Protein backbone atom coordinates (compact mmCIF):
# COMPACT_ATOMS: atom_id res chain seq x y z
CA MET A 1 73.06 -39.71 59.21
CA GLY A 2 75.73 -37.06 58.89
CA PRO A 3 75.32 -33.36 59.64
CA ILE A 4 75.36 -32.41 55.97
CA THR A 5 72.64 -34.93 55.13
CA ARG A 6 70.52 -33.77 58.03
CA SER A 7 70.93 -30.16 56.94
CA VAL A 8 69.81 -30.88 53.37
CA THR A 9 66.85 -32.85 54.66
CA VAL A 10 65.79 -30.07 56.97
CA PHE A 11 66.38 -27.43 54.29
CA LEU A 12 64.27 -29.13 51.65
CA GLY A 13 61.66 -30.41 54.08
CA ILE A 14 61.39 -33.64 52.12
CA THR A 15 58.96 -35.73 54.08
CA VAL A 16 56.13 -37.83 52.76
CA PHE A 17 53.79 -34.97 53.50
CA GLY A 18 56.14 -32.47 51.94
CA ILE A 19 56.48 -34.33 48.66
CA SER A 20 52.73 -34.73 48.43
CA GLY A 21 52.11 -31.07 49.13
CA TYR A 22 54.69 -29.97 46.58
CA ALA A 23 53.21 -32.30 43.95
CA LEU A 24 49.71 -30.93 44.53
CA TYR A 25 51.12 -27.43 44.27
CA LEU A 26 52.54 -28.26 40.84
CA LEU A 27 49.36 -30.13 39.90
CA PHE A 28 47.20 -27.03 40.10
CA GLN A 29 49.53 -24.60 38.35
CA LYS A 30 48.53 -22.90 35.09
CA ASP A 31 48.81 -24.71 31.78
CA GLU A 32 52.10 -23.04 30.96
CA ASP A 33 53.71 -25.10 33.76
CA ASP A 34 52.51 -28.40 32.25
CA GLU A 35 55.82 -29.30 30.65
CA TYR A 36 57.68 -28.86 33.93
CA LEU A 37 54.95 -30.77 35.79
CA ASP A 38 55.17 -33.67 33.30
CA THR A 39 58.94 -33.90 33.91
CA PHE A 40 58.37 -33.96 37.64
CA ALA A 41 55.55 -36.50 37.25
CA GLN A 42 57.78 -38.98 35.48
CA ALA A 43 60.24 -38.82 38.36
CA SER A 44 57.65 -39.03 41.13
CA LYS A 45 55.08 -41.48 39.69
CA PHE A 46 52.72 -38.68 38.63
CA LYS A 47 51.30 -38.88 35.14
CA THR A 48 49.11 -37.22 32.50
CA LEU A 49 46.16 -39.16 31.08
CA GLU A 50 43.98 -38.16 28.11
CA VAL A 51 40.34 -39.11 27.61
CA ARG A 52 38.36 -38.38 24.45
CA VAL A 53 34.98 -36.79 25.24
CA PRO A 54 32.27 -36.07 22.60
CA LYS A 55 31.91 -32.31 22.17
CA ASP A 56 28.19 -32.31 22.83
CA LEU A 57 28.79 -33.88 26.26
CA VAL A 58 31.56 -31.53 27.43
CA ARG A 59 29.19 -28.91 28.78
CA SER A 60 27.22 -31.50 30.76
CA LEU A 61 30.45 -33.07 32.05
CA ILE A 62 31.69 -29.72 33.29
CA GLY A 63 28.30 -28.91 34.82
CA ARG A 64 26.83 -25.62 35.89
CA ASN A 65 29.60 -23.35 37.18
CA GLY A 66 31.97 -26.31 36.80
CA LYS A 67 30.35 -28.29 39.61
CA ASN A 68 30.59 -31.75 38.00
CA ILE A 69 34.22 -31.51 36.98
CA LYS A 70 35.17 -30.04 40.37
CA ASP A 71 33.52 -32.99 42.11
CA ILE A 72 35.52 -35.44 39.96
CA GLN A 73 38.74 -33.55 40.73
CA ASP A 74 37.98 -33.59 44.47
CA HIS A 75 37.11 -37.29 44.54
CA SER A 76 40.17 -38.34 42.52
CA ASN A 77 42.65 -35.73 43.76
CA THR A 78 43.51 -34.73 40.17
CA ARG A 79 43.58 -31.68 38.01
CA ILE A 80 41.46 -31.70 34.82
CA ASN A 81 41.18 -29.41 31.82
CA PHE A 82 40.22 -29.66 28.16
CA ARG A 83 41.82 -28.95 24.83
CA ASP A 84 40.45 -28.90 21.29
CA VAL A 85 41.33 -31.28 18.48
CA ASP A 86 41.22 -29.77 15.00
CA ASP A 87 38.34 -30.95 12.80
CA SER A 88 37.13 -33.40 15.40
CA GLU A 89 33.82 -34.13 17.09
CA VAL A 90 35.62 -34.72 20.40
CA LYS A 91 37.58 -32.74 22.96
CA ILE A 92 40.54 -34.10 24.84
CA CYS A 93 40.06 -34.26 28.59
CA VAL A 94 43.53 -33.95 30.15
CA ILE A 95 43.86 -35.52 33.63
CA ARG A 96 46.92 -34.91 35.78
CA GLY A 97 47.77 -36.61 39.06
CA SER A 98 49.16 -39.83 40.45
CA THR A 99 48.71 -43.01 38.45
CA ASP A 100 45.92 -44.26 40.71
CA ALA A 101 44.27 -40.84 40.89
CA CYS A 102 44.25 -40.51 37.07
CA HIS A 103 42.60 -43.93 36.70
CA ILE A 104 39.95 -43.01 39.28
CA ALA A 105 39.18 -39.78 37.39
CA GLU A 106 39.16 -41.64 34.07
CA ASN A 107 36.67 -44.20 35.42
CA LEU A 108 34.42 -41.45 36.77
CA ILE A 109 34.47 -39.64 33.43
CA GLN A 110 33.80 -42.81 31.43
CA GLU A 111 30.97 -43.72 33.77
CA PHE A 112 29.47 -40.25 33.24
CA ILE A 113 29.72 -40.62 29.45
CA ASN A 114 28.25 -44.12 29.45
CA ASN A 115 25.32 -43.01 31.58
CA GLN A 116 24.38 -40.15 29.25
CA PRO A 117 21.24 -40.76 27.20
CA VAL A 118 21.65 -41.22 23.46
CA LEU A 119 20.92 -37.97 21.64
CA GLU A 120 19.08 -38.03 18.34
CA SER A 121 18.03 -35.51 15.73
CA GLU A 122 14.71 -35.27 13.90
CA SER A 123 13.34 -32.81 11.35
CA ILE A 124 9.68 -31.89 11.03
CA TRP A 125 7.95 -29.60 8.56
CA VAL A 126 5.36 -27.06 9.66
CA PRO A 127 3.19 -24.67 7.59
CA PHE A 128 4.92 -21.36 7.06
CA ALA A 129 2.00 -19.48 8.59
CA THR A 130 2.47 -21.27 11.93
CA VAL A 131 6.18 -20.50 12.37
CA GLY A 132 5.47 -17.18 14.06
CA MET A 133 3.12 -18.85 16.54
CA ILE A 134 5.70 -21.53 17.34
CA ILE A 135 8.40 -18.93 17.96
CA GLY A 136 6.09 -16.57 19.84
CA ARG A 137 6.67 -12.95 20.75
CA SER A 138 10.38 -12.37 21.37
CA GLY A 139 10.86 -16.16 21.20
CA GLU A 140 8.79 -16.83 24.33
CA ARG A 141 6.84 -19.79 22.93
CA ILE A 142 9.82 -21.72 21.51
CA CYS A 143 11.75 -21.14 24.77
CA GLU A 144 8.77 -22.58 26.65
CA ILE A 145 8.77 -25.66 24.39
CA ARG A 146 12.51 -26.12 24.95
CA GLY A 147 12.02 -25.81 28.70
CA LEU A 148 9.15 -28.30 28.87
CA SER A 149 10.75 -30.87 26.60
CA GLY A 150 14.45 -30.39 27.28
CA ALA A 151 15.06 -30.62 23.53
CA LYS A 152 16.99 -28.18 21.38
CA ILE A 153 14.86 -26.72 18.56
CA THR A 154 16.24 -24.90 15.54
CA VAL A 155 14.25 -23.10 12.83
CA ASN A 156 16.14 -23.73 9.59
CA ASP A 157 16.44 -20.93 7.08
CA ASP A 158 17.87 -22.92 4.19
CA GLU A 159 14.68 -23.37 2.18
CA LYS A 160 13.42 -20.38 0.22
CA GLY A 161 10.06 -19.81 -1.38
CA LEU A 162 8.36 -22.82 0.20
CA THR A 163 5.00 -22.94 1.96
CA ALA A 164 6.48 -24.98 4.83
CA LYS A 165 9.43 -24.55 7.17
CA ARG A 166 11.78 -27.21 8.53
CA LEU A 167 12.40 -27.45 12.27
CA THR A 168 15.24 -29.54 13.67
CA ILE A 169 14.73 -31.10 17.10
CA LYS A 170 17.70 -32.56 19.00
CA GLY A 171 17.56 -34.53 22.23
CA THR A 172 16.66 -37.93 23.59
CA LYS A 173 13.77 -39.89 22.10
CA GLU A 174 11.56 -38.79 24.96
CA GLN A 175 12.58 -35.12 24.63
CA ILE A 176 12.00 -35.16 20.87
CA SER A 177 8.61 -36.80 21.35
CA VAL A 178 7.48 -34.15 23.85
CA ALA A 179 8.75 -31.26 21.71
CA ARG A 180 7.13 -32.68 18.57
CA SER A 181 3.83 -33.13 20.42
CA LEU A 182 3.87 -29.52 21.66
CA ILE A 183 4.67 -28.20 18.18
CA GLU A 184 2.02 -30.35 16.51
CA ASP A 185 -0.53 -29.08 19.03
CA ILE A 186 0.25 -25.48 18.04
CA VAL A 187 0.02 -26.36 14.34
CA GLU A 188 -3.30 -28.17 14.86
CA LYS A 189 -4.83 -25.24 16.74
CA SER A 190 -3.49 -22.77 14.19
CA THR A 191 -4.88 -24.83 11.31
CA ALA A 192 -8.28 -25.10 12.97
CA LYS A 193 -8.28 -21.35 13.59
CA GLN A 194 -7.33 -20.68 9.97
CA GLN A 195 -10.14 -22.93 8.75
CA THR A 196 -12.58 -20.92 10.85
CA ILE A 197 -11.17 -17.70 9.39
CA ASP A 198 -11.43 -19.07 5.85
CA ALA A 199 -15.02 -20.14 6.43
CA SER A 200 -15.85 -16.67 7.74
CA LEU A 201 -14.08 -14.83 4.93
CA ALA A 202 -15.74 -17.06 2.34
CA LYS A 203 -19.04 -15.41 3.30
CA ARG A 204 -17.82 -11.99 2.17
CA GLU A 205 -19.88 -10.51 -0.63
CA PRO A 206 -18.20 -8.71 -3.54
CA ARG A 207 -17.73 -5.03 -2.83
CA LEU A 208 -18.14 -2.96 -5.98
CA PRO A 209 -16.94 0.56 -5.35
CA PRO A 210 -16.22 3.16 -8.00
CA ARG A 211 -12.53 3.58 -8.78
CA SER A 212 -10.86 6.09 -6.53
CA PRO A 213 -10.79 9.57 -8.10
CA GLU A 214 -7.41 11.01 -8.94
CA HIS A 215 -7.50 13.62 -6.18
CA VAL A 216 -7.49 10.95 -3.45
CA LYS A 217 -4.07 10.94 -1.83
CA GLY A 218 -4.59 8.12 0.62
CA VAL A 219 -4.93 8.22 4.37
CA GLY A 220 -2.41 7.21 6.95
CA SER A 221 -2.79 6.74 10.65
CA PRO A 222 -0.74 5.72 13.64
CA LYS A 223 -3.35 2.99 13.97
CA ALA A 224 -3.08 1.71 10.41
CA GLU A 225 -2.15 -1.87 9.57
CA ARG A 226 1.27 -2.31 7.97
CA LEU A 227 3.06 -4.99 6.03
CA SER A 228 5.56 -6.50 8.47
CA PRO A 229 7.21 -9.74 7.33
CA ILE A 230 8.57 -12.12 9.95
CA LEU A 231 11.96 -11.07 11.24
CA GLY A 232 14.66 -12.58 9.06
CA GLN A 233 12.13 -13.71 6.44
CA ASN A 234 11.62 -10.62 4.27
CA ASP A 235 11.03 -12.71 1.14
CA ALA A 236 8.32 -14.79 2.79
CA PRO A 237 5.04 -14.90 0.82
CA PHE A 238 1.82 -13.85 2.52
CA GLU A 239 -1.82 -13.80 1.42
CA VAL A 240 -3.78 -10.63 0.65
CA TYR A 241 -7.03 -9.38 -0.81
CA VAL A 242 -6.89 -6.44 -3.20
CA SER A 243 -9.72 -4.33 -1.82
CA ALA A 244 -9.53 -1.18 -3.98
CA MET A 245 -7.45 0.33 -6.77
CA VAL A 246 -6.70 3.31 -8.94
CA ASP A 247 -4.16 1.57 -11.18
CA PRO A 248 -1.23 -0.89 -10.78
CA SER A 249 0.82 1.87 -9.18
CA ARG A 250 -1.81 2.56 -6.58
CA PHE A 251 -4.02 -0.02 -4.93
CA TRP A 252 -4.98 -1.18 -1.47
CA VAL A 253 -4.75 -4.61 0.12
CA GLN A 254 -5.98 -6.33 3.25
CA ILE A 255 -3.90 -9.05 4.86
CA VAL A 256 -5.73 -12.38 4.99
CA GLY A 257 -5.83 -13.56 8.59
CA PRO A 258 -7.53 -13.11 11.95
CA LYS A 259 -7.78 -9.33 11.58
CA ALA A 260 -9.78 -9.70 8.37
CA THR A 261 -12.28 -11.74 10.35
CA GLU A 262 -12.25 -9.15 13.14
CA LEU A 263 -13.02 -6.51 10.51
CA ASP A 264 -16.03 -8.47 9.26
CA CYS A 265 -17.31 -8.75 12.82
CA LEU A 266 -16.73 -5.02 13.34
CA VAL A 267 -18.70 -4.13 10.18
CA GLU A 268 -21.59 -6.36 11.25
CA GLU A 269 -21.56 -4.80 14.72
CA MET A 270 -21.53 -1.27 13.31
CA THR A 271 -24.28 -2.10 10.81
CA GLU A 272 -26.49 -3.48 13.55
CA TYR A 273 -25.80 -0.51 15.84
CA TYR A 274 -26.14 2.38 13.36
CA GLY A 275 -29.03 0.63 11.64
CA ARG A 276 -31.18 1.62 14.64
CA GLU A 277 -32.58 5.13 14.50
CA GLU A 278 -32.23 5.61 18.24
CA SER A 279 -28.52 4.82 18.00
CA ARG A 280 -27.99 7.34 15.21
CA GLU A 281 -29.80 10.03 17.17
CA GLY A 282 -27.24 9.73 19.92
CA HIS A 283 -24.34 10.25 17.49
CA SER A 284 -25.49 13.12 15.31
CA LEU A 285 -22.79 15.49 14.12
CA GLU A 286 -23.37 19.23 14.10
CA ASP A 287 -19.97 20.08 12.67
CA VAL A 288 -18.05 17.89 10.23
CA ARG A 289 -14.49 18.82 9.31
CA LYS A 290 -11.72 17.55 7.10
CA GLY A 291 -9.84 14.77 8.89
CA ASP A 292 -12.74 13.64 11.06
CA LEU A 293 -13.32 9.91 11.50
CA VAL A 294 -16.98 9.07 11.04
CA ALA A 295 -19.40 6.20 10.64
CA ALA A 296 -20.90 6.08 7.15
CA THR A 297 -22.71 3.69 4.85
CA PHE A 298 -21.39 2.43 1.53
CA ARG A 299 -23.96 2.92 -1.19
CA PHE A 300 -23.30 -0.43 -2.85
CA ASP A 301 -24.19 -2.62 0.12
CA SER A 302 -25.77 -0.28 2.72
CA LYS A 303 -23.49 -1.54 5.48
CA TRP A 304 -21.79 0.80 7.93
CA TYR A 305 -18.06 1.40 7.84
CA ARG A 306 -15.30 3.52 9.33
CA ALA A 307 -14.38 6.45 7.10
CA GLU A 308 -12.29 9.57 7.11
CA VAL A 309 -13.40 12.92 5.75
CA LEU A 310 -11.00 14.00 3.01
CA ASN A 311 -12.79 17.17 2.00
CA ILE A 312 -16.04 19.09 2.29
CA ILE A 313 -17.68 20.13 -0.98
CA GLU A 314 -21.01 21.56 -2.03
CA GLU A 315 -23.03 20.08 -4.88
CA ASP A 316 -26.53 21.28 -5.82
CA SER A 317 -26.63 23.36 -2.64
CA VAL A 318 -26.02 20.23 -0.53
CA LYS A 319 -22.87 19.94 1.53
CA GLN A 320 -21.18 16.61 1.02
CA ALA A 321 -18.09 14.90 2.36
CA GLU A 322 -15.55 13.10 0.27
CA LEU A 323 -14.90 9.94 2.26
CA TYR A 324 -12.02 7.52 2.40
CA TYR A 325 -13.01 4.11 3.78
CA VAL A 326 -10.00 3.36 5.98
CA ASP A 327 -10.42 -0.43 5.97
CA TYR A 328 -10.84 -0.86 2.20
CA GLY A 329 -9.11 2.05 0.45
CA ASP A 330 -12.03 3.12 -1.73
CA THR A 331 -13.79 6.51 -1.72
CA ASP A 332 -17.28 7.91 -2.05
CA LYS A 333 -19.34 11.05 -1.44
CA MET A 334 -22.03 11.28 1.20
CA PRO A 335 -24.23 14.16 2.45
CA LEU A 336 -23.03 15.51 5.79
CA SER A 337 -26.42 14.67 7.27
CA ASP A 338 -25.73 10.97 6.65
CA LEU A 339 -22.53 10.93 8.69
CA TYR A 340 -22.41 10.03 12.36
CA GLU A 341 -19.97 10.15 15.21
CA LEU A 342 -17.80 7.03 15.35
CA ARG A 343 -18.24 5.28 18.66
CA THR A 344 -14.88 5.11 20.46
CA ASP A 345 -14.80 1.33 20.85
CA PHE A 346 -15.17 0.95 17.08
CA LEU A 347 -11.59 2.21 16.81
CA ARG A 348 -10.22 -0.86 18.59
CA LEU A 349 -9.04 -2.46 15.34
CA HIS A 350 -6.21 -1.00 13.26
CA PHE A 351 -7.28 0.40 9.90
CA GLN A 352 -6.95 -2.53 7.53
CA ALA A 353 -6.42 -0.89 4.12
CA ILE A 354 -2.73 -0.83 3.14
CA GLU A 355 -1.74 1.27 0.15
CA CYS A 356 0.74 -0.50 -2.19
CA PHE A 357 2.20 -0.36 -5.66
CA LEU A 358 3.03 -3.19 -8.05
CA ALA A 359 6.79 -3.67 -7.90
CA ARG A 360 9.16 -4.09 -10.86
CA VAL A 361 6.97 -2.50 -13.54
CA ASP A 362 6.09 0.92 -14.95
CA PRO A 363 3.34 1.87 -17.39
CA VAL A 364 4.03 2.05 -21.11
CA GLY A 365 4.22 5.79 -21.56
CA ASP A 366 3.47 8.43 -18.96
CA SER A 367 0.40 6.78 -17.41
CA TRP A 368 -1.43 3.49 -17.24
CA SER A 369 -3.74 2.74 -20.15
CA GLU A 370 -7.36 1.87 -19.53
CA GLU A 371 -6.69 -1.66 -20.81
CA ALA A 372 -3.81 -2.09 -18.33
CA VAL A 373 -6.05 -0.92 -15.49
CA ASP A 374 -8.83 -3.29 -16.57
CA LYS A 375 -6.46 -6.26 -16.81
CA PHE A 376 -4.95 -5.51 -13.41
CA GLU A 377 -8.44 -5.33 -11.91
CA GLU A 378 -9.34 -8.64 -13.55
CA TRP A 379 -6.16 -10.53 -12.55
CA THR A 380 -6.17 -9.26 -8.95
CA HIS A 381 -9.96 -9.74 -8.46
CA VAL A 382 -10.41 -6.32 -6.89
CA ALA A 383 -13.02 -6.37 -4.08
CA GLN A 384 -13.99 -9.94 -4.95
CA TRP A 385 -12.22 -11.36 -1.86
CA LYS A 386 -10.11 -13.83 -3.77
CA LYS A 387 -6.74 -14.58 -2.15
CA LEU A 388 -3.52 -13.59 -3.87
CA SER A 389 0.03 -14.38 -2.83
CA ALA A 390 2.22 -11.34 -2.23
CA LYS A 391 5.88 -10.64 -1.53
CA MET A 392 7.48 -7.44 -0.32
CA ASN A 393 9.71 -5.79 -2.92
CA GLY A 394 10.88 -2.27 -2.14
CA TYR A 395 9.27 1.00 -1.09
CA SER A 396 8.19 4.23 -2.73
CA VAL A 397 8.57 7.65 -1.12
CA ARG A 398 5.63 9.82 -2.12
CA GLU A 399 4.50 13.33 -1.37
CA LYS A 400 1.10 12.81 0.15
CA THR A 401 -1.68 15.08 1.20
CA ARG A 402 -3.17 13.47 4.24
CA ALA A 403 -5.86 14.52 6.61
CA LYS A 404 -4.20 15.36 9.94
CA ARG A 405 -1.86 12.35 9.86
CA GLU A 406 1.58 11.89 8.38
CA GLY A 407 2.25 9.26 5.77
CA SER A 408 5.01 6.67 5.49
CA PRO A 409 6.82 4.95 2.59
CA VAL A 410 4.44 2.94 0.43
CA PRO A 411 5.41 -0.75 0.11
CA GLY A 412 5.92 -2.32 -3.28
CA VAL A 413 4.67 -5.88 -3.68
CA ASP A 414 4.81 -8.69 -6.21
CA LEU A 415 1.37 -10.24 -6.71
CA TYR A 416 0.64 -13.80 -7.79
CA GLU A 417 -2.75 -15.29 -8.63
CA ILE A 418 -2.77 -18.73 -7.00
CA ASP A 419 -5.00 -20.94 -9.11
CA GLU A 420 -3.94 -23.99 -11.09
CA HIS A 421 -0.90 -22.01 -12.25
CA ASP A 422 0.81 -19.22 -10.35
CA ILE A 423 0.32 -16.08 -12.42
CA ASP A 424 2.81 -13.29 -11.84
CA VAL A 425 0.66 -10.18 -12.41
CA ALA A 426 3.64 -7.96 -13.28
CA GLU A 427 4.96 -10.48 -15.83
CA GLU A 428 1.53 -10.84 -17.41
CA LEU A 429 1.22 -7.08 -17.85
CA VAL A 430 4.62 -6.99 -19.55
CA LYS A 431 3.84 -10.00 -21.76
CA SER A 432 0.62 -8.28 -22.83
CA GLY A 433 2.52 -5.12 -23.80
CA LEU A 434 0.73 -3.13 -21.09
CA ALA A 435 3.77 -2.51 -18.86
CA VAL A 436 7.57 -2.45 -18.94
CA PHE A 437 10.05 -3.72 -16.38
CA LYS A 438 11.87 -1.08 -14.37
CA LYS A 439 15.58 -0.74 -15.06
CA GLU A 440 16.53 -1.85 -11.55
CA ALA A 441 14.39 -4.99 -11.92
CA LEU A 442 16.20 -5.94 -15.11
CA LEU A 443 19.60 -5.28 -13.55
CA ALA A 444 18.65 -7.49 -10.61
CA GLY A 445 18.09 -10.47 -12.87
CA GLY A 446 14.94 -10.03 -14.89
CA SER A 447 11.38 -10.37 -13.83
CA ARG A 448 11.73 -11.86 -10.37
CA ALA A 449 13.84 -9.30 -8.52
CA THR A 450 12.97 -9.26 -4.85
CA SER A 451 15.16 -6.60 -3.28
CA THR A 452 13.45 -5.02 -0.30
CA SER A 453 16.15 -2.35 -0.21
CA ASN A 454 15.05 -0.95 -3.58
CA LEU A 455 13.75 2.57 -2.97
CA SER A 456 11.96 4.58 -5.65
CA VAL A 457 10.66 8.12 -5.48
CA ALA A 458 7.30 9.11 -6.87
CA SER A 459 5.02 12.11 -6.65
CA THR A 460 1.27 11.69 -6.78
């Protein structure tokens, strides 16, 4: 070997170890060096190999923090990355290294793919009322189901106006089976609970109050029940009772559900407690003022209820309180001597009466006719505890006189009688010539506008 040759050899450091080290150096360069690396690979028996990997397996192949793919690289002495293919269900796994190393990595990747369980997809339908229970507060319940089953669960939002919701479950057969079983268990328990509620509510007797006088402005409270549709499902129907009314622009509803049953239990408990003379003696009131919350009877059934004092008046030398029954929305007058202090624990349940107005329609003329009021009362079965279907549809900002507590926008609702045929109460009033559609309802497409952003202003 001549001096020049020896000098070049020493200068380049081309030994078996040196070539290998230089190749590995190139192997782990950034992607922008790939073209240069490929040129070098052709000259030094290094190559690039591509493997098609289903997209839904890429994350598992890479592993948490890249552990799986790093292990394959270490075992095969290769460099691996991925690139997308337009409009394809696969990703290209690009392997770079020596010919033997690439084949080792390819075999490891194929073995991983072949060992993956077959993923399937299944749809199940659940009653709309149970969706909230399946999701849970802040998604806790559905996350728990995913964790226990290992399946991916999606609540589909592509069906509107149905009484059931479609859930899509993806995973292995075993994962789908576990997830479905957990969901069906929730639905079964919810259905059984609802049947118990229905049986309890079926025992309610008709409540026949007088219509609220015009001076009643409604009562609000930080502890009042509100209409709150499921997040992302503002057009979802829900069931209500119409418990009291003045006219179609002013009525009160209770939401059908567990709280309605709790209210019945509360009324029975109060009736039993205040029905005893010794109990009443311990809760006598020496001074009754506007805004006080009291326990009072209702003259039409002699049960005891929660009420708020709207005003103090004097009739025939007897001081009386105008009362607003916070769970029903109706009013009455009672002598101050018949009012008693409301025991603190009887405030545990939110006030159940929710003031509403019938959306989309106005009266013919300046006010509702007596016939319109009578028909509305008949079609909504006021205080008869017959379920109606309701949908949120806008709000009304009103100036309200309220005892001690501030008010909030009044929700507008569409009401439907759910018998053999769904009767749209607003449409029926219009068809009967007792109401007219609002201009914004007509602009929104006729009689079935459902915009929750619609905001009207009224003064009562």
